[in-house]
Amino acid sequence: MIPLLKEFLLPPGVFLLAGLIGIWNIQRNPRRAKRILIAVTILFYIFSTKIMASLLVGNLPVPPPLPPQSLDLMDSSDPPQAIVVLGAGLYEAAPEYGGDTVSGGSLARIRYGANLHRRSGLPLLVSGGRPENTKLSEAETMKAALETDFHVPVAWTEDISNTTWEGAQNVHEILAAEGINKIYLVTHANHMIRAEK
């Protein structure tokens, strides 16, 4: 029930809901209905533009990328013990690959995860659930690409989550069972705030 409610409270669902309210008001109060429908149309358009997306994402605090020399942390008394790569979607039914594969965002993340693995020797965990109507989870496609295309082994997969929060809980359980409590987290800057929580 909560995911359905969330769909109507976040864009574009909130615009659809407001539009339905406007349509419902056509018989009762045509003037109000017209104002609602015009406002919804304008807001929907504004929130659909690249300019608005840039404004919204541009105001997020963005942590800096990890510079190559940061692997000096490996020499510290409490070094990271694993690399966790979060999924960023699927390229579904890719004709050139004969099925589901990693999206461009996931590809960028696993490429960096492979780079970190080669430089540090740390084991990799990939995390990403199975979107509706797909045969493979994000984690399964990431593991396949890492092992086949990058020749990097994947130690663990977390492939049952539906949200970043569930993924974090599951990853914590997997790594805690291995005695791992410090990681390198690979994701995109605009996803880092949500991923860190």
N, C-alpha and C. Protein backbone atom coordinates (compact mmCIF):
# COMPACT_ATOMS: atom_id res chain seq x y z
N MET A 1 0.82 -1.20 0.00
CA MET A 1 0.00 0.00 0.00
C MET A 1 0.86 1.26 0.00
N ILE A 2 1.94 1.28 0.81
CA ILE A 2 2.79 2.46 0.91
C ILE A 2 3.44 2.80 -0.43
N PRO A 3 4.00 1.82 -1.19
CA PRO A 3 4.57 2.18 -2.49
C PRO A 3 3.54 2.83 -3.42
N LEU A 4 2.31 2.36 -3.39
CA LEU A 4 1.26 2.94 -4.24
C LEU A 4 0.96 4.37 -3.80
N LEU A 5 0.88 4.59 -2.50
CA LEU A 5 0.63 5.92 -1.97
C LEU A 5 1.77 6.86 -2.35
N LYS A 6 3.00 6.36 -2.26
CA LYS A 6 4.17 7.16 -2.61
C LYS A 6 4.13 7.59 -4.08
N GLU A 7 3.64 6.71 -4.94
CA GLU A 7 3.54 7.03 -6.37
C GLU A 7 2.61 8.22 -6.62
N PHE A 8 1.60 8.38 -5.78
CA PHE A 8 0.66 9.49 -5.97
C PHE A 8 1.09 10.76 -5.25
N LEU A 9 2.03 10.65 -4.32
CA LEU A 9 2.47 11.84 -3.59
C LEU A 9 3.73 12.46 -4.18
N LEU A 10 4.43 11.74 -5.04
CA LEU A 10 5.63 12.25 -5.69
C LEU A 10 5.34 12.48 -7.17
N PRO A 11 6.08 13.40 -7.79
CA PRO A 11 5.89 13.59 -9.24
C PRO A 11 6.19 12.30 -9.99
N PRO A 12 5.49 12.00 -11.05
CA PRO A 12 4.40 12.75 -11.66
C PRO A 12 3.04 12.42 -11.06
N GLY A 13 2.98 11.49 -10.10
CA GLY A 13 1.70 11.07 -9.53
C GLY A 13 0.92 12.21 -8.90
N VAL A 14 1.61 13.13 -8.23
CA VAL A 14 0.93 14.25 -7.59
C VAL A 14 0.23 15.13 -8.63
N PHE A 15 0.83 15.25 -9.82
CA PHE A 15 0.20 16.03 -10.89
C PHE A 15 -1.02 15.31 -11.43
N LEU A 16 -0.93 14.00 -11.55
CA LEU A 16 -2.07 13.21 -12.00
C LEU A 16 -3.22 13.33 -11.00
N LEU A 17 -2.88 13.23 -9.72
CA LEU A 17 -3.90 13.35 -8.67
C LEU A 17 -4.56 14.73 -8.71
N ALA A 18 -3.75 15.78 -8.83
CA ALA A 18 -4.31 17.14 -8.91
C ALA A 18 -5.16 17.31 -10.17
N GLY A 19 -4.72 16.71 -11.28
CA GLY A 19 -5.50 16.76 -12.52
C GLY A 19 -6.84 16.07 -12.36
N LEU A 20 -6.85 14.94 -11.67
CA LEU A 20 -8.11 14.23 -11.42
C LEU A 20 -9.05 15.06 -10.55
N ILE A 21 -8.47 15.77 -9.57
CA ILE A 21 -9.28 16.67 -8.74
C ILE A 21 -9.89 17.77 -9.61
N GLY A 22 -9.08 18.30 -10.53
CA GLY A 22 -9.58 19.32 -11.45
C GLY A 22 -10.71 18.80 -12.31
N ILE A 23 -10.56 17.61 -12.86
CA ILE A 23 -11.61 17.00 -13.70
C ILE A 23 -12.87 16.76 -12.87
N TRP A 24 -12.70 16.30 -11.65
CA TRP A 24 -13.83 16.03 -10.76
C TRP A 24 -14.61 17.31 -10.48
N ASN A 25 -13.91 18.46 -10.50
CA ASN A 25 -14.55 19.75 -10.21
C ASN A 25 -15.21 20.39 -11.42
N ILE A 26 -15.10 19.81 -12.61
CA ILE A 26 -15.65 20.43 -13.82
C ILE A 26 -17.14 20.71 -13.68
N GLN A 27 -17.91 19.75 -13.21
CA GLN A 27 -19.36 19.95 -13.06
C GLN A 27 -19.69 20.85 -11.87
N ARG A 28 -18.96 20.70 -10.78
CA ARG A 28 -19.27 21.43 -9.56
C ARG A 28 -18.89 22.92 -9.66
N ASN A 29 -17.68 23.16 -10.13
CA ASN A 29 -17.17 24.53 -10.18
C ASN A 29 -16.23 24.65 -11.38
N PRO A 30 -16.76 24.93 -12.56
CA PRO A 30 -15.96 24.96 -13.79
C PRO A 30 -14.78 25.93 -13.73
N ARG A 31 -15.00 27.07 -13.09
CA ARG A 31 -13.92 28.07 -13.02
C ARG A 31 -12.73 27.51 -12.20
N ARG A 32 -13.03 26.92 -11.05
CA ARG A 32 -11.98 26.32 -10.22
C ARG A 32 -11.31 25.17 -10.96
N ALA A 33 -12.09 24.36 -11.63
CA ALA A 33 -11.55 23.22 -12.38
C ALA A 33 -10.57 23.70 -13.44
N LYS A 34 -10.95 24.77 -14.13
CA LYS A 34 -10.09 25.32 -15.19
C LYS A 34 -8.77 25.80 -14.59
N ARG A 35 -8.83 26.51 -13.47
CA ARG A 35 -7.61 27.00 -12.81
C ARG A 35 -6.72 25.84 -12.36
N ILE A 36 -7.33 24.84 -11.78
CA ILE A 36 -6.55 23.67 -11.32
C ILE A 36 -5.87 23.00 -12.50
N LEU A 37 -6.61 22.76 -13.57
CA LEU A 37 -6.04 22.06 -14.73
C LEU A 37 -4.95 22.87 -15.41
N ILE A 38 -5.11 24.18 -15.49
CA ILE A 38 -4.05 25.03 -16.07
C ILE A 38 -2.81 25.00 -15.18
N ALA A 39 -3.00 25.14 -13.87
CA ALA A 39 -1.86 25.11 -12.94
C ALA A 39 -1.13 23.77 -12.99
N VAL A 40 -1.89 22.68 -13.02
CA VAL A 40 -1.28 21.35 -13.08
C VAL A 40 -0.48 21.18 -14.37
N THR A 41 -1.04 21.63 -15.47
CA THR A 41 -0.35 21.51 -16.76
C THR A 41 0.95 22.30 -16.75
N ILE A 42 0.91 23.53 -16.25
CA ILE A 42 2.12 24.36 -16.19
C ILE A 42 3.16 23.75 -15.27
N LEU A 43 2.75 23.34 -14.07
CA LEU A 43 3.69 22.74 -13.12
C LEU A 43 4.27 21.43 -13.66
N PHE A 44 3.43 20.63 -14.28
CA PHE A 44 3.91 19.37 -14.85
C PHE A 44 4.99 19.65 -15.90
N TYR A 45 4.74 20.63 -16.75
CA TYR A 45 5.72 20.98 -17.77
C TYR A 45 7.02 21.48 -17.12
N ILE A 46 6.90 22.40 -16.17
CA ILE A 46 8.10 22.96 -15.53
C ILE A 46 8.92 21.86 -14.87
N PHE A 47 8.28 20.97 -14.14
CA PHE A 47 9.01 19.91 -13.44
C PHE A 47 9.53 18.84 -14.39
N SER A 48 9.12 18.86 -15.64
CA SER A 48 9.60 17.89 -16.63
C SER A 48 10.79 18.40 -17.43
N THR A 49 11.19 19.64 -17.22
CA THR A 49 12.28 20.21 -18.02
C THR A 49 13.65 19.89 -17.42
N LYS A 50 14.65 19.91 -18.27
CA LYS A 50 16.03 19.68 -17.82
C LYS A 50 16.50 20.81 -16.90
N ILE A 51 16.00 22.01 -17.15
CA ILE A 51 16.40 23.15 -16.31
C ILE A 51 15.98 22.91 -14.86
N MET A 52 14.74 22.48 -14.64
CA MET A 52 14.27 22.21 -13.28
C MET A 52 15.03 21.05 -12.66
N ALA A 53 15.28 20.01 -13.45
CA ALA A 53 16.05 18.87 -12.92
C ALA A 53 17.43 19.33 -12.47
N SER A 54 18.07 20.17 -13.27
CA SER A 54 19.39 20.69 -12.91
C SER A 54 19.32 21.55 -11.65
N LEU A 55 18.28 22.37 -11.55
CA LEU A 55 18.13 23.19 -10.35
C LEU A 55 17.95 22.34 -9.10
N LEU A 56 17.11 21.32 -9.21
CA LEU A 56 16.85 20.47 -8.04
C LEU A 56 18.07 19.65 -7.65
N VAL A 57 18.71 19.01 -8.61
CA VAL A 57 19.87 18.17 -8.32
C VAL A 57 21.08 19.03 -8.00
N GLY A 58 21.19 20.19 -8.66
CA GLY A 58 22.33 21.06 -8.44
C GLY A 58 22.43 21.61 -7.04
N ASN A 59 21.34 21.65 -6.31
CA ASN A 59 21.36 22.16 -4.94
C ASN A 59 21.68 21.10 -3.90
N LEU A 60 21.82 19.87 -4.33
CA LEU A 60 22.18 18.82 -3.38
C LEU A 60 23.66 18.93 -3.03
N PRO A 61 24.02 18.76 -1.77
CA PRO A 61 25.45 18.73 -1.45
C PRO A 61 26.05 17.45 -2.04
N VAL A 62 27.13 17.60 -2.76
CA VAL A 62 27.73 16.47 -3.45
C VAL A 62 29.09 16.17 -2.84
N PRO A 63 29.26 14.98 -2.29
CA PRO A 63 30.58 14.62 -1.75
C PRO A 63 31.58 14.49 -2.90
N PRO A 64 32.84 14.81 -2.64
CA PRO A 64 33.83 14.72 -3.72
C PRO A 64 34.12 13.26 -4.07
N PRO A 65 34.53 13.02 -5.33
CA PRO A 65 34.91 11.65 -5.70
C PRO A 65 36.16 11.23 -4.94
N LEU A 66 36.36 9.95 -4.85
CA LEU A 66 37.50 9.38 -4.15
C LEU A 66 38.74 9.50 -5.03
N PRO A 67 39.74 10.30 -4.63
CA PRO A 67 40.95 10.41 -5.46
C PRO A 67 41.79 9.14 -5.37
N PRO A 68 42.60 8.87 -6.40
CA PRO A 68 43.40 7.63 -6.40
C PRO A 68 44.27 7.46 -5.16
N GLN A 69 44.84 8.54 -4.64
CA GLN A 69 45.72 8.41 -3.47
C GLN A 69 44.96 8.05 -2.20
N SER A 70 43.63 8.07 -2.24
CA SER A 70 42.86 7.72 -1.04
C SER A 70 43.02 6.25 -0.68
N LEU A 71 43.52 5.46 -1.58
CA LEU A 71 43.76 4.06 -1.24
C LEU A 71 44.86 3.92 -0.21
N ASP A 72 45.48 5.05 0.16
CA ASP A 72 46.44 5.03 1.26
C ASP A 72 45.74 4.65 2.56
N LEU A 73 44.40 4.74 2.56
CA LEU A 73 43.64 4.30 3.74
C LEU A 73 43.92 2.83 4.05
N MET A 74 44.35 2.09 3.02
CA MET A 74 44.63 0.67 3.23
C MET A 74 45.76 0.48 4.24
N ASP A 75 46.60 1.52 4.40
CA ASP A 75 47.71 1.43 5.34
C ASP A 75 47.32 1.90 6.74
N SER A 76 46.10 2.38 6.90
CA SER A 76 45.67 2.86 8.21
C SER A 76 45.37 1.68 9.14
N SER A 77 45.12 2.00 10.40
CA SER A 77 44.86 0.93 11.37
C SER A 77 43.46 0.34 11.21
N ASP A 78 42.56 1.05 10.52
CA ASP A 78 41.19 0.58 10.32
C ASP A 78 40.79 0.73 8.85
N PRO A 79 41.42 -0.06 7.96
CA PRO A 79 41.15 0.11 6.53
C PRO A 79 39.80 -0.49 6.12
N PRO A 80 39.25 -0.01 4.99
CA PRO A 80 38.04 -0.65 4.45
C PRO A 80 38.32 -2.12 4.16
N GLN A 81 37.29 -2.94 4.30
CA GLN A 81 37.46 -4.39 4.13
C GLN A 81 36.74 -4.94 2.91
N ALA A 82 35.94 -4.11 2.25
CA ALA A 82 35.19 -4.58 1.07
C ALA A 82 34.77 -3.37 0.24
N ILE A 83 34.34 -3.67 -0.97
CA ILE A 83 33.81 -2.65 -1.89
C ILE A 83 32.35 -3.01 -2.16
N VAL A 84 31.45 -2.05 -1.95
CA VAL A 84 30.02 -2.25 -2.22
C VAL A 84 29.64 -1.37 -3.40
N VAL A 85 29.11 -1.99 -4.45
CA VAL A 85 28.68 -1.26 -5.64
C VAL A 85 27.16 -1.33 -5.72
N LEU A 86 26.52 -0.16 -5.72
CA LEU A 86 25.07 -0.10 -5.79
C LEU A 86 24.59 -0.03 -7.23
N GLY A 87 23.51 -0.72 -7.52
CA GLY A 87 22.95 -0.73 -8.87
C GLY A 87 22.34 0.61 -9.24
N ALA A 88 22.24 0.83 -10.55
CA ALA A 88 21.65 2.07 -11.07
C ALA A 88 20.70 1.77 -12.22
N GLY A 89 20.05 0.62 -12.15
CA GLY A 89 19.07 0.28 -13.18
C GLY A 89 19.54 -0.76 -14.17
N LEU A 90 18.59 -1.21 -14.96
CA LEU A 90 18.83 -2.23 -15.98
C LEU A 90 18.59 -1.67 -17.36
N TYR A 91 19.28 -2.24 -18.32
CA TYR A 91 18.96 -2.04 -19.73
C TYR A 91 18.19 -3.30 -20.09
N GLU A 92 16.87 -3.19 -20.08
CA GLU A 92 16.01 -4.37 -20.23
C GLU A 92 15.92 -4.84 -21.67
N ALA A 93 15.93 -6.15 -21.82
CA ALA A 93 15.76 -6.81 -23.12
C ALA A 93 16.66 -6.19 -24.19
N ALA A 94 17.93 -6.01 -23.84
CA ALA A 94 18.89 -5.41 -24.77
C ALA A 94 19.10 -6.35 -25.95
N PRO A 95 18.71 -5.96 -27.16
CA PRO A 95 18.81 -6.87 -28.30
C PRO A 95 20.25 -7.26 -28.61
N GLU A 96 21.19 -6.33 -28.41
CA GLU A 96 22.58 -6.64 -28.72
C GLU A 96 23.23 -7.58 -27.72
N TYR A 97 22.60 -7.76 -26.54
CA TYR A 97 23.12 -8.68 -25.53
C TYR A 97 22.21 -9.89 -25.34
N GLY A 98 21.10 -9.91 -26.02
CA GLY A 98 20.19 -11.05 -25.92
C GLY A 98 19.43 -11.13 -24.62
N GLY A 99 19.23 -10.02 -23.95
CA GLY A 99 18.48 -10.01 -22.70
C GLY A 99 18.85 -8.83 -21.84
N ASP A 100 18.46 -8.90 -20.57
CA ASP A 100 18.73 -7.81 -19.63
C ASP A 100 20.23 -7.69 -19.38
N THR A 101 20.69 -6.44 -19.23
CA THR A 101 22.08 -6.18 -18.87
C THR A 101 22.12 -4.90 -18.04
N VAL A 102 23.30 -4.47 -17.66
CA VAL A 102 23.43 -3.27 -16.83
C VAL A 102 23.08 -2.02 -17.63
N SER A 103 22.55 -1.03 -16.93
CA SER A 103 22.28 0.27 -17.55
C SER A 103 23.60 1.04 -17.65
N GLY A 104 23.55 2.18 -18.31
CA GLY A 104 24.74 3.02 -18.40
C GLY A 104 25.24 3.45 -17.03
N GLY A 105 24.31 3.79 -16.14
CA GLY A 105 24.68 4.19 -14.78
C GLY A 105 25.33 3.05 -14.01
N SER A 106 24.76 1.86 -14.11
CA SER A 106 25.35 0.69 -13.43
C SER A 106 26.71 0.35 -14.02
N LEU A 107 26.85 0.51 -15.33
CA LEU A 107 28.12 0.22 -15.99
C LEU A 107 29.22 1.14 -15.46
N ALA A 108 28.91 2.42 -15.30
CA ALA A 108 29.91 3.36 -14.76
C ALA A 108 30.31 2.94 -13.35
N ARG A 109 29.35 2.51 -12.56
CA ARG A 109 29.64 2.12 -11.18
C ARG A 109 30.47 0.84 -11.12
N ILE A 110 30.11 -0.16 -11.92
CA ILE A 110 30.89 -1.41 -11.84
C ILE A 110 32.28 -1.22 -12.41
N ARG A 111 32.42 -0.33 -13.38
CA ARG A 111 33.75 -0.05 -13.92
C ARG A 111 34.64 0.52 -12.81
N TYR A 112 34.09 1.46 -12.03
CA TYR A 112 34.88 2.03 -10.94
C TYR A 112 35.10 0.99 -9.84
N GLY A 113 34.09 0.16 -9.57
CA GLY A 113 34.27 -0.91 -8.59
C GLY A 113 35.38 -1.87 -9.00
N ALA A 114 35.44 -2.21 -10.29
CA ALA A 114 36.51 -3.08 -10.80
C ALA A 114 37.86 -2.40 -10.64
N ASN A 115 37.91 -1.10 -10.91
CA ASN A 115 39.14 -0.34 -10.75
C ASN A 115 39.60 -0.36 -9.29
N LEU A 116 38.68 -0.11 -8.37
CA LEU A 116 39.01 -0.15 -6.94
C LEU A 116 39.49 -1.54 -6.52
N HIS A 117 38.82 -2.57 -7.03
CA HIS A 117 39.20 -3.95 -6.69
C HIS A 117 40.63 -4.23 -7.15
N ARG A 118 40.96 -3.83 -8.37
CA ARG A 118 42.31 -4.09 -8.89
C ARG A 118 43.37 -3.34 -8.09
N ARG A 119 43.04 -2.13 -7.64
CA ARG A 119 44.01 -1.33 -6.89
C ARG A 119 44.13 -1.75 -5.44
N SER A 120 43.06 -2.29 -4.87
CA SER A 120 43.07 -2.61 -3.44
C SER A 120 43.09 -4.10 -3.13
N GLY A 121 42.58 -4.92 -4.05
CA GLY A 121 42.47 -6.35 -3.79
C GLY A 121 41.28 -6.71 -2.91
N LEU A 122 40.44 -5.73 -2.58
CA LEU A 122 39.30 -5.98 -1.70
C LEU A 122 38.19 -6.72 -2.44
N PRO A 123 37.42 -7.55 -1.71
CA PRO A 123 36.31 -8.27 -2.34
C PRO A 123 35.16 -7.32 -2.66
N LEU A 124 34.38 -7.70 -3.67
CA LEU A 124 33.26 -6.89 -4.14
C LEU A 124 31.91 -7.48 -3.73
N LEU A 125 30.99 -6.58 -3.37
CA LEU A 125 29.59 -6.93 -3.18
C LEU A 125 28.80 -6.03 -4.12
N VAL A 126 27.89 -6.62 -4.90
CA VAL A 126 27.01 -5.83 -5.77
C VAL A 126 25.59 -5.90 -5.22
N SER A 127 24.90 -4.77 -5.28
CA SER A 127 23.56 -4.70 -4.69
C SER A 127 22.58 -4.07 -5.66
N GLY A 128 21.45 -4.75 -5.85
CA GLY A 128 20.38 -4.22 -6.69
C GLY A 128 19.30 -5.26 -6.88
N GLY A 129 18.08 -4.88 -6.63
CA GLY A 129 16.96 -5.81 -6.71
C GLY A 129 16.47 -6.06 -8.12
N ARG A 130 15.34 -6.72 -8.19
CA ARG A 130 14.75 -7.12 -9.47
C ARG A 130 13.54 -6.23 -9.77
N PRO A 131 13.68 -5.34 -10.77
CA PRO A 131 12.51 -4.54 -11.16
C PRO A 131 11.39 -5.44 -11.67
N GLU A 132 10.17 -4.95 -11.61
CA GLU A 132 9.04 -5.73 -12.10
C GLU A 132 9.23 -6.10 -13.57
N ASN A 133 8.75 -7.28 -13.92
CA ASN A 133 8.75 -7.78 -15.30
C ASN A 133 10.14 -7.98 -15.89
N THR A 134 11.15 -8.20 -15.04
CA THR A 134 12.48 -8.51 -15.56
C THR A 134 12.88 -9.89 -15.08
N LYS A 135 13.71 -10.55 -15.86
CA LYS A 135 14.15 -11.90 -15.51
C LYS A 135 15.29 -11.86 -14.49
N LEU A 136 16.16 -10.86 -14.61
CA LEU A 136 17.34 -10.79 -13.76
C LEU A 136 17.29 -9.57 -12.85
N SER A 137 17.96 -9.68 -11.71
CA SER A 137 18.08 -8.53 -10.82
C SER A 137 19.23 -7.65 -11.30
N GLU A 138 19.26 -6.43 -10.78
CA GLU A 138 20.38 -5.54 -11.09
C GLU A 138 21.69 -6.19 -10.64
N ALA A 139 21.68 -6.79 -9.45
CA ALA A 139 22.90 -7.41 -8.92
C ALA A 139 23.38 -8.55 -9.82
N GLU A 140 22.45 -9.34 -10.34
CA GLU A 140 22.85 -10.45 -11.22
C GLU A 140 23.49 -9.93 -12.51
N THR A 141 22.93 -8.86 -13.08
CA THR A 141 23.52 -8.32 -14.31
C THR A 141 24.86 -7.66 -14.02
N MET A 142 24.99 -7.02 -12.87
CA MET A 142 26.26 -6.40 -12.50
C MET A 142 27.34 -7.46 -12.29
N LYS A 143 26.97 -8.54 -11.60
CA LYS A 143 27.92 -9.63 -11.37
C LYS A 143 28.37 -10.23 -12.71
N ALA A 144 27.42 -10.47 -13.60
CA ALA A 144 27.76 -11.04 -14.91
C ALA A 144 28.71 -10.12 -15.67
N ALA A 145 28.44 -8.83 -15.67
CA ALA A 145 29.31 -7.89 -16.40
C ALA A 145 30.68 -7.79 -15.75
N LEU A 146 30.73 -7.76 -14.42
CA LEU A 146 32.03 -7.69 -13.75
C LEU A 146 32.88 -8.92 -14.05
N GLU A 147 32.25 -10.09 -13.96
CA GLU A 147 33.02 -11.32 -14.15
C GLU A 147 33.34 -11.60 -15.61
N THR A 148 32.42 -11.28 -16.51
CA THR A 148 32.63 -11.57 -17.93
C THR A 148 33.42 -10.47 -18.64
N ASP A 149 33.01 -9.23 -18.46
CA ASP A 149 33.62 -8.13 -19.19
C ASP A 149 34.86 -7.55 -18.52
N PHE A 150 34.88 -7.53 -17.19
CA PHE A 150 36.00 -6.93 -16.47
C PHE A 150 36.92 -7.98 -15.83
N HIS A 151 36.52 -9.24 -15.86
CA HIS A 151 37.30 -10.35 -15.28
C HIS A 151 37.64 -10.08 -13.80
N VAL A 152 36.61 -9.63 -13.08
CA VAL A 152 36.74 -9.33 -11.66
C VAL A 152 35.74 -10.20 -10.91
N PRO A 153 36.19 -10.95 -9.89
CA PRO A 153 35.25 -11.80 -9.15
C PRO A 153 34.34 -10.99 -8.23
N VAL A 154 33.13 -11.47 -8.07
CA VAL A 154 32.18 -10.86 -7.15
C VAL A 154 31.99 -11.82 -5.99
N ALA A 155 32.27 -11.35 -4.79
CA ALA A 155 32.20 -12.20 -3.61
C ALA A 155 30.76 -12.40 -3.13
N TRP A 156 29.94 -11.34 -3.19
CA TRP A 156 28.58 -11.43 -2.67
C TRP A 156 27.62 -10.64 -3.57
N THR A 157 26.37 -11.08 -3.60
CA THR A 157 25.32 -10.32 -4.29
C THR A 157 24.15 -10.12 -3.34
N GLU A 158 23.58 -8.94 -3.41
CA GLU A 158 22.35 -8.62 -2.68
C GLU A 158 21.34 -8.30 -3.77
N ASP A 159 20.39 -9.21 -3.99
CA ASP A 159 19.50 -9.06 -5.14
C ASP A 159 18.02 -9.13 -4.80
N ILE A 160 17.67 -8.89 -3.53
CA ILE A 160 16.26 -9.01 -3.16
C ILE A 160 15.63 -7.68 -2.72
N SER A 161 16.40 -6.61 -2.70
CA SER A 161 15.87 -5.33 -2.23
C SER A 161 15.02 -4.65 -3.29
N ASN A 162 14.08 -3.83 -2.81
CA ASN A 162 13.25 -3.01 -3.70
C ASN A 162 13.55 -1.53 -3.56
N THR A 163 14.26 -1.16 -2.50
CA THR A 163 14.60 0.24 -2.26
C THR A 163 16.04 0.34 -1.80
N THR A 164 16.58 1.55 -1.82
CA THR A 164 17.94 1.77 -1.31
C THR A 164 18.02 1.38 0.16
N TRP A 165 16.99 1.70 0.92
CA TRP A 165 16.95 1.37 2.35
C TRP A 165 17.02 -0.14 2.57
N GLU A 166 16.19 -0.89 1.86
CA GLU A 166 16.21 -2.36 1.99
C GLU A 166 17.57 -2.90 1.58
N GLY A 167 18.12 -2.36 0.51
CA GLY A 167 19.44 -2.80 0.05
C GLY A 167 20.49 -2.58 1.12
N ALA A 168 20.45 -1.42 1.77
CA ALA A 168 21.42 -1.12 2.83
C ALA A 168 21.29 -2.11 3.99
N GLN A 169 20.06 -2.42 4.37
CA GLN A 169 19.84 -3.39 5.45
C GLN A 169 20.40 -4.76 5.08
N ASN A 170 20.11 -5.20 3.86
CA ASN A 170 20.57 -6.51 3.41
C ASN A 170 22.08 -6.57 3.28
N VAL A 171 22.68 -5.50 2.73
CA VAL A 171 24.14 -5.44 2.60
C VAL A 171 24.78 -5.50 3.98
N HIS A 172 24.22 -4.76 4.92
CA HIS A 172 24.76 -4.77 6.29
C HIS A 172 24.75 -6.19 6.87
N GLU A 173 23.64 -6.90 6.68
CA GLU A 173 23.55 -8.28 7.20
C GLU A 173 24.59 -9.19 6.56
N ILE A 174 24.74 -9.08 5.23
CA ILE A 174 25.71 -9.93 4.52
C ILE A 174 27.11 -9.66 5.02
N LEU A 175 27.48 -8.38 5.12
CA LEU A 175 28.85 -8.04 5.51
C LEU A 175 29.10 -8.27 7.00
N ALA A 176 28.10 -8.03 7.83
CA ALA A 176 28.26 -8.28 9.27
C ALA A 176 28.54 -9.76 9.53
N ALA A 177 27.90 -10.63 8.76
CA ALA A 177 28.14 -12.07 8.91
C ALA A 177 29.58 -12.43 8.56
N GLU A 178 30.24 -11.59 7.77
CA GLU A 178 31.63 -11.81 7.38
C GLU A 178 32.60 -11.02 8.27
N GLY A 179 32.07 -10.30 9.25
CA GLY A 179 32.91 -9.50 10.14
C GLY A 179 33.40 -8.21 9.50
N ILE A 180 32.71 -7.75 8.47
CA ILE A 180 33.11 -6.54 7.75
C ILE A 180 32.26 -5.37 8.22
N ASN A 181 32.94 -4.28 8.64
CA ASN A 181 32.19 -3.11 9.11
C ASN A 181 32.65 -1.80 8.49
N LYS A 182 33.62 -1.85 7.57
CA LYS A 182 34.07 -0.63 6.90
C LYS A 182 34.23 -0.93 5.42
N ILE A 183 33.65 -0.06 4.57
CA ILE A 183 33.61 -0.35 3.13
C ILE A 183 33.95 0.89 2.30
N TYR A 184 34.28 0.62 1.04
CA TYR A 184 34.22 1.64 0.01
C TYR A 184 32.84 1.50 -0.61
N LEU A 185 32.11 2.60 -0.74
CA LEU A 185 30.77 2.59 -1.33
C LEU A 185 30.83 3.25 -2.69
N VAL A 186 30.43 2.51 -3.73
CA VAL A 186 30.47 3.03 -5.09
C VAL A 186 29.05 3.32 -5.56
N THR A 187 28.79 4.60 -5.83
CA THR A 187 27.52 5.06 -6.35
C THR A 187 27.76 6.39 -7.06
N HIS A 188 26.72 7.04 -7.53
CA HIS A 188 26.86 8.36 -8.13
C HIS A 188 26.70 9.43 -7.06
N ALA A 189 27.30 10.58 -7.29
CA ALA A 189 27.27 11.67 -6.31
C ALA A 189 25.85 12.06 -5.93
N ASN A 190 24.94 12.13 -6.92
CA ASN A 190 23.58 12.56 -6.60
C ASN A 190 22.77 11.47 -5.87
N HIS A 191 23.34 10.30 -5.70
CA HIS A 191 22.70 9.20 -4.99
C HIS A 191 23.35 8.98 -3.63
N MET A 192 24.51 9.61 -3.40
CA MET A 192 25.31 9.33 -2.21
C MET A 192 24.59 9.67 -0.91
N ILE A 193 23.89 10.77 -0.86
CA ILE A 193 23.23 11.17 0.39
C ILE A 193 22.24 10.10 0.82
N ARG A 194 21.42 9.64 -0.11
CA ARG A 194 20.44 8.60 0.19
C ARG A 194 21.14 7.29 0.52
N ALA A 195 22.21 6.97 -0.19
CA ALA A 195 22.91 5.71 0.00
C ALA A 195 23.64 5.65 1.34
N GLU A 196 24.18 6.78 1.79
CA GLU A 196 24.93 6.80 3.05
C GLU A 196 24.03 6.58 4.25
N LYS A 197 22.77 6.99 4.14
CA LYS A 197 21.84 6.82 5.27
C LYS A 197 21.45 5.38 5.37
